[in-house]
Amino acid sequence: MRYNERIREIREDNFLTQQKIADLLHIGQRTYSDYESGKTRIPIDNLLILARFYNVSMDYISGASDVMTEYPKR
């Protein structure tokens, strides 16, 4: 699964709107929509914010793994 599909899936599983996530990332809803559709690549720092927010590993949110593990604790 590609990261754009994964971030959409996680957002929908958590019953959140694109606007809510765009607000979290301090970007416009249209920009976030472009991330989910694959029109624009999401910056790595935004992927990190989403991984922390959803408490999932970067491997999972990036699509590198299909195993959902928690975000690493410090």
Protein backbone atom coordinates (compact mmCIF):
# COMPACT_ATOMS: atom_id res chain seq x y z
CA MET A 1 0.00 0.00 0.00
CA ARG A 2 1.27 3.47 -0.85
CA TYR A 3 1.57 6.14 1.83
CA ASN A 4 -1.17 8.30 0.29
CA GLU A 5 -3.60 5.38 0.51
CA ARG A 6 -2.45 4.61 4.04
CA ILE A 7 -2.95 8.16 5.38
CA ARG A 8 -6.46 8.21 3.91
CA GLU A 9 -7.27 4.80 5.39
CA ILE A 10 -6.02 5.77 8.87
CA ARG A 11 -7.87 9.10 8.79
CA GLU A 12 -11.14 7.45 7.77
CA ASP A 13 -10.70 4.68 10.36
CA ASN A 14 -10.46 7.42 13.01
CA PHE A 15 -13.56 9.23 11.66
CA LEU A 16 -11.61 12.43 11.02
CA THR A 17 -12.10 14.96 8.24
CA GLN A 18 -9.42 16.17 5.89
CA GLN A 19 -9.91 19.62 7.40
CA LYS A 20 -9.15 18.33 10.92
CA ILE A 21 -5.87 16.77 9.75
CA ALA A 22 -5.00 19.82 7.65
CA ASP A 23 -5.44 21.95 10.78
CA LEU A 24 -3.13 19.61 12.71
CA LEU A 25 -0.49 20.02 9.98
CA HIS A 26 -1.08 23.79 9.63
CA ILE A 27 -1.88 23.47 5.92
CA GLY A 28 -4.94 23.99 3.77
CA GLN A 29 -7.52 21.25 3.25
CA ARG A 30 -6.84 21.25 -0.50
CA THR A 31 -3.13 20.61 0.12
CA TYR A 32 -3.96 17.71 2.40
CA SER A 33 -6.38 16.38 -0.20
CA ASP A 34 -3.53 16.48 -2.72
CA TYR A 35 -1.41 14.40 -0.32
CA GLU A 36 -4.12 11.74 -0.07
CA SER A 37 -4.76 11.67 -3.80
CA GLY A 38 -1.05 11.37 -4.57
CA LYS A 39 -0.93 14.64 -6.54
CA THR A 40 1.59 16.10 -4.08
CA ARG A 41 4.18 14.28 -1.98
CA ILE A 42 3.79 14.74 1.74
CA PRO A 43 6.89 16.14 3.46
CA ILE A 44 8.60 13.76 5.87
CA ASP A 45 8.05 16.09 8.83
CA ASN A 46 4.30 15.93 8.20
CA LEU A 47 4.46 12.13 8.03
CA LEU A 48 6.20 12.17 11.41
CA ILE A 49 3.47 14.39 12.86
CA LEU A 50 0.80 12.00 11.54
CA ALA A 51 2.63 8.93 12.84
CA ARG A 52 2.81 10.47 16.31
CA PHE A 53 -0.80 11.67 16.17
CA TYR A 54 -2.13 8.25 15.14
CA ASN A 55 0.44 6.41 17.32
CA VAL A 56 1.68 4.22 14.47
CA SER A 57 5.20 3.54 13.26
CA MET A 58 6.72 5.34 10.30
CA ASP A 59 7.04 1.96 8.57
CA TYR A 60 3.29 1.51 8.79
CA ILE A 61 2.21 5.03 7.85
CA SER A 62 4.66 5.15 4.93
CA GLY A 63 3.37 1.84 3.58
CA ALA A 64 6.71 0.07 4.05
CA SER A 65 4.99 -2.41 6.38
CA ASP A 66 1.46 -3.70 6.78
CA VAL A 67 2.04 -4.48 10.45
CA MET A 68 0.56 -1.74 12.63
CA THR A 69 2.95 -1.06 15.47
CA GLU A 70 2.99 1.83 17.91
CA TYR A 71 5.06 4.93 17.41
CA PRO A 72 8.34 4.41 19.29
CA LYS A 73 8.53 5.88 22.76
CA ARG A 74 11.55 7.96 23.71
